[in-house]
Structures are given as structure tokens and as C-alpha cells.
Amino acid sequence: TLPPEACVALAKAVLALLCDKTSVVEGLDLPDDVAVTVVGDTHGQFDDVLTILDAAGLPSEKHFIIFNGDVVDRGPKQIQL
């Protein structure tokens, strides 16, 4: 078990490393009129993907959707994706 001060130091070091990296969205060269929705792990939860698309809208030339993470690795409806 790590002492609390070691946990805090580790968390600060990780945060500094992550903040130093360019995110996938920051690295994109997009026109100003294009919207981007970034979706994290959905793990094959097809109903969740439908809810996200309903809230964010469908992808188009003016709306990109980036699925960042596990999309179809588990879940009862993973084949439907």
C-alpha cells in the first residue's frame, strides 16, 4: 500500500505527462464549421451508442464522430455494431 503522499505525487506526475500530450481532437485540422463528438468506450452496448447518436446527431460532412476506445469488445448486442 502506498502512503497518501506517494499517491498524490504519482497522480500529479501522471497528470503532468498527460497534459503535455496533444489530444486526438487537438491534432485535427478541421474547418471552423465542423463539429466533433468524441465518444469513449462503449463496450458493445448498442443501446448506449443509439442514445449517444440521438443526443449528438448522426455523423455528416459537418459533424464528425470519433470513437475513442473499445467499441465492440463485449456486451449482448456487440455484433450489431
N, C-alpha and C. Protein backbone atom coordinates (compact mmCIF):
# COMPACT_ATOMS: atom_id res chain seq x y z
N THR A 1 0.84 -1.18 0.00
CA THR A 1 0.00 0.00 0.00
C THR A 1 0.88 1.24 0.00
N LEU A 2 0.56 2.15 -0.88
CA LEU A 2 1.31 3.41 -0.94
C LEU A 2 0.79 4.39 0.09
N PRO A 3 1.68 5.14 0.70
CA PRO A 3 1.22 6.19 1.61
C PRO A 3 0.51 7.29 0.82
N PRO A 4 -0.40 8.00 1.46
CA PRO A 4 -1.18 9.04 0.75
C PRO A 4 -0.32 10.05 0.00
N GLU A 5 0.77 10.48 0.57
CA GLU A 5 1.60 11.49 -0.10
C GLU A 5 2.24 10.92 -1.37
N ALA A 6 2.54 9.62 -1.39
CA ALA A 6 3.08 8.99 -2.59
C ALA A 6 2.00 8.90 -3.68
N CYS A 7 0.77 8.63 -3.28
CA CYS A 7 -0.35 8.59 -4.24
C CYS A 7 -0.57 9.96 -4.87
N VAL A 8 -0.51 11.00 -4.07
CA VAL A 8 -0.69 12.36 -4.59
C VAL A 8 0.44 12.71 -5.55
N ALA A 9 1.68 12.37 -5.19
CA ALA A 9 2.82 12.65 -6.05
C ALA A 9 2.70 11.89 -7.37
N LEU A 10 2.27 10.64 -7.31
CA LEU A 10 2.08 9.84 -8.52
C LEU A 10 1.00 10.43 -9.41
N ALA A 11 -0.12 10.82 -8.81
CA ALA A 11 -1.21 11.41 -9.59
C ALA A 11 -0.77 12.71 -10.26
N LYS A 12 0.00 13.52 -9.56
CA LYS A 12 0.50 14.78 -10.14
C LYS A 12 1.46 14.51 -11.29
N ALA A 13 2.31 13.49 -11.15
CA ALA A 13 3.25 13.15 -12.21
C ALA A 13 2.52 12.65 -13.46
N VAL A 14 1.51 11.83 -13.27
CA VAL A 14 0.72 11.32 -14.39
C VAL A 14 -0.03 12.47 -15.08
N LEU A 15 -0.61 13.35 -14.28
CA LEU A 15 -1.33 14.49 -14.84
C LEU A 15 -0.40 15.37 -15.68
N ALA A 16 0.81 15.59 -15.19
CA ALA A 16 1.78 16.40 -15.95
C ALA A 16 2.13 15.73 -17.27
N LEU A 17 2.28 14.41 -17.26
CA LEU A 17 2.58 13.69 -18.51
C LEU A 17 1.42 13.77 -19.50
N LEU A 18 0.22 13.58 -19.01
CA LEU A 18 -0.95 13.60 -19.89
C LEU A 18 -1.22 15.00 -20.44
N CYS A 19 -1.02 16.01 -19.64
CA CYS A 19 -1.28 17.38 -20.09
C CYS A 19 -0.26 17.84 -21.13
N ASP A 20 0.87 17.16 -21.20
CA ASP A 20 1.92 17.51 -22.15
C ASP A 20 1.64 16.93 -23.54
N LYS A 21 0.66 16.05 -23.67
CA LYS A 21 0.37 15.39 -24.93
C LYS A 21 -0.75 16.10 -25.67
N THR A 22 -0.68 16.06 -27.00
CA THR A 22 -1.74 16.60 -27.84
C THR A 22 -2.86 15.57 -27.91
N SER A 23 -4.08 16.00 -27.70
CA SER A 23 -5.20 15.07 -27.80
C SER A 23 -5.51 14.81 -29.27
N VAL A 24 -6.25 13.75 -29.51
CA VAL A 24 -6.61 13.39 -30.88
C VAL A 24 -7.43 14.50 -31.54
N VAL A 25 -8.22 15.21 -30.77
CA VAL A 25 -9.05 16.29 -31.32
C VAL A 25 -8.19 17.52 -31.60
N GLU A 26 -7.25 17.82 -30.74
CA GLU A 26 -6.39 18.99 -30.95
C GLU A 26 -5.51 18.81 -32.19
N GLY A 27 -5.18 17.56 -32.53
CA GLY A 27 -4.31 17.30 -33.67
C GLY A 27 -5.02 17.35 -35.01
N LEU A 28 -6.34 17.47 -35.01
CA LEU A 28 -7.10 17.50 -36.26
C LEU A 28 -7.10 18.90 -36.87
N ASP A 29 -6.98 18.94 -38.17
CA ASP A 29 -7.05 20.21 -38.89
C ASP A 29 -8.42 20.28 -39.56
N LEU A 30 -9.36 20.92 -38.88
CA LEU A 30 -10.75 20.96 -39.34
C LEU A 30 -11.20 22.38 -39.64
N PRO A 31 -12.09 22.52 -40.59
CA PRO A 31 -12.69 23.84 -40.81
C PRO A 31 -13.47 24.28 -39.56
N ASP A 32 -13.65 25.57 -39.40
CA ASP A 32 -14.35 26.10 -38.23
C ASP A 32 -15.79 25.66 -38.14
N ASP A 33 -16.41 25.31 -39.26
CA ASP A 33 -17.83 24.97 -39.23
C ASP A 33 -18.10 23.47 -39.04
N VAL A 34 -17.07 22.70 -38.67
CA VAL A 34 -17.23 21.27 -38.44
C VAL A 34 -17.28 21.00 -36.94
N ALA A 35 -18.30 20.26 -36.50
CA ALA A 35 -18.42 19.87 -35.10
C ALA A 35 -17.83 18.46 -34.92
N VAL A 36 -17.25 18.22 -33.76
CA VAL A 36 -16.67 16.91 -33.46
C VAL A 36 -17.25 16.40 -32.15
N THR A 37 -17.73 15.17 -32.17
CA THR A 37 -18.19 14.49 -30.96
C THR A 37 -17.23 13.34 -30.69
N VAL A 38 -16.66 13.30 -29.50
CA VAL A 38 -15.74 12.23 -29.12
C VAL A 38 -16.48 11.31 -28.16
N VAL A 39 -16.51 10.01 -28.49
CA VAL A 39 -17.21 9.01 -27.69
C VAL A 39 -16.17 8.07 -27.11
N GLY A 40 -16.25 7.82 -25.82
CA GLY A 40 -15.33 6.90 -25.16
C GLY A 40 -15.76 5.45 -25.34
N ASP A 41 -15.26 4.59 -24.49
CA ASP A 41 -15.57 3.16 -24.56
C ASP A 41 -17.07 2.91 -24.51
N THR A 42 -17.56 2.13 -25.47
CA THR A 42 -18.97 1.73 -25.43
C THR A 42 -19.12 0.24 -25.16
N HIS A 43 -18.04 -0.52 -25.33
CA HIS A 43 -18.00 -1.95 -24.99
C HIS A 43 -19.16 -2.74 -25.58
N GLY A 44 -19.54 -2.43 -26.80
CA GLY A 44 -20.58 -3.20 -27.46
C GLY A 44 -21.99 -2.91 -26.98
N GLN A 45 -22.17 -1.85 -26.21
CA GLN A 45 -23.50 -1.51 -25.71
C GLN A 45 -24.24 -0.73 -26.79
N PHE A 46 -24.88 -1.46 -27.67
CA PHE A 46 -25.54 -0.89 -28.84
C PHE A 46 -26.59 0.16 -28.44
N ASP A 47 -27.35 -0.11 -27.39
CA ASP A 47 -28.37 0.85 -26.95
C ASP A 47 -27.73 2.16 -26.51
N ASP A 48 -26.55 2.09 -25.88
CA ASP A 48 -25.84 3.31 -25.48
C ASP A 48 -25.39 4.11 -26.71
N VAL A 49 -24.92 3.41 -27.73
CA VAL A 49 -24.50 4.08 -28.96
C VAL A 49 -25.69 4.79 -29.60
N LEU A 50 -26.83 4.14 -29.62
CA LEU A 50 -28.03 4.78 -30.17
C LEU A 50 -28.41 6.03 -29.38
N THR A 51 -28.29 5.96 -28.06
CA THR A 51 -28.59 7.12 -27.21
C THR A 51 -27.62 8.26 -27.51
N ILE A 52 -26.35 7.93 -27.67
CA ILE A 52 -25.35 8.96 -27.99
C ILE A 52 -25.65 9.60 -29.34
N LEU A 53 -25.96 8.77 -30.34
CA LEU A 53 -26.26 9.31 -31.66
C LEU A 53 -27.53 10.14 -31.66
N ASP A 54 -28.50 9.74 -30.83
CA ASP A 54 -29.73 10.51 -30.72
C ASP A 54 -29.45 11.88 -30.11
N ALA A 55 -28.57 11.93 -29.12
CA ALA A 55 -28.26 13.20 -28.45
C ALA A 55 -27.33 14.07 -29.28
N ALA A 56 -26.31 13.45 -29.91
CA ALA A 56 -25.29 14.22 -30.63
C ALA A 56 -25.64 14.46 -32.08
N GLY A 57 -26.48 13.60 -32.64
CA GLY A 57 -26.79 13.68 -34.07
C GLY A 57 -25.93 12.71 -34.86
N LEU A 58 -26.35 12.43 -36.05
CA LEU A 58 -25.63 11.50 -36.92
C LEU A 58 -24.39 12.16 -37.51
N PRO A 59 -23.38 11.37 -37.85
CA PRO A 59 -22.20 11.95 -38.50
C PRO A 59 -22.54 12.45 -39.90
N SER A 60 -21.83 13.47 -40.31
CA SER A 60 -22.04 14.05 -41.65
C SER A 60 -20.75 14.77 -42.05
N GLU A 61 -20.81 15.47 -43.17
CA GLU A 61 -19.65 16.25 -43.60
C GLU A 61 -19.36 17.40 -42.64
N LYS A 62 -20.34 17.80 -41.86
CA LYS A 62 -20.17 18.90 -40.91
C LYS A 62 -20.18 18.44 -39.46
N HIS A 63 -20.28 17.12 -39.24
CA HIS A 63 -20.29 16.58 -37.88
C HIS A 63 -19.55 15.25 -37.87
N PHE A 64 -18.36 15.28 -37.29
CA PHE A 64 -17.56 14.06 -37.19
C PHE A 64 -17.78 13.42 -35.84
N ILE A 65 -17.76 12.09 -35.80
CA ILE A 65 -17.82 11.36 -34.54
C ILE A 65 -16.59 10.49 -34.45
N ILE A 66 -15.84 10.65 -33.38
CA ILE A 66 -14.64 9.86 -33.13
C ILE A 66 -14.95 8.88 -32.01
N PHE A 67 -14.84 7.59 -32.30
CA PHE A 67 -14.98 6.57 -31.26
C PHE A 67 -13.58 6.27 -30.76
N ASN A 68 -13.32 6.66 -29.54
CA ASN A 68 -12.01 6.55 -28.93
C ASN A 68 -12.06 5.50 -27.83
N GLY A 69 -11.66 4.29 -28.14
CA GLY A 69 -11.66 3.24 -27.13
C GLY A 69 -12.31 1.98 -27.64
N ASP A 70 -12.67 1.12 -26.72
CA ASP A 70 -13.28 -0.16 -27.07
C ASP A 70 -14.72 0.05 -27.52
N VAL A 71 -15.03 -0.43 -28.71
CA VAL A 71 -16.37 -0.24 -29.25
C VAL A 71 -17.17 -1.53 -29.20
N VAL A 72 -16.59 -2.65 -29.61
CA VAL A 72 -17.36 -3.88 -29.74
C VAL A 72 -16.73 -5.06 -28.99
N ASP A 73 -16.07 -4.83 -27.90
CA ASP A 73 -15.36 -5.92 -27.25
C ASP A 73 -16.21 -6.78 -26.31
N ARG A 74 -17.39 -6.34 -25.97
CA ARG A 74 -18.28 -7.13 -25.10
C ARG A 74 -19.68 -6.57 -25.18
N GLY A 75 -20.59 -7.18 -24.48
CA GLY A 75 -21.97 -6.71 -24.48
C GLY A 75 -22.85 -7.62 -25.29
N PRO A 76 -24.12 -7.75 -24.90
CA PRO A 76 -25.02 -8.69 -25.54
C PRO A 76 -25.35 -8.34 -26.99
N LYS A 77 -25.16 -7.10 -27.40
CA LYS A 77 -25.52 -6.68 -28.76
C LYS A 77 -24.30 -6.23 -29.56
N GLN A 78 -23.13 -6.68 -29.18
CA GLN A 78 -21.89 -6.19 -29.83
C GLN A 78 -21.83 -6.52 -31.31
N ILE A 79 -22.46 -7.58 -31.77
CA ILE A 79 -22.43 -7.95 -33.17
C ILE A 79 -23.16 -6.92 -34.03
N GLN A 80 -24.17 -6.25 -33.48
CA GLN A 80 -24.95 -5.29 -34.24
C GLN A 80 -24.14 -4.07 -34.65
N LEU A 81 -23.08 -3.75 -33.94
CA LEU A 81 -22.26 -2.61 -34.31
C LEU A 81 -21.44 -2.99 -35.52
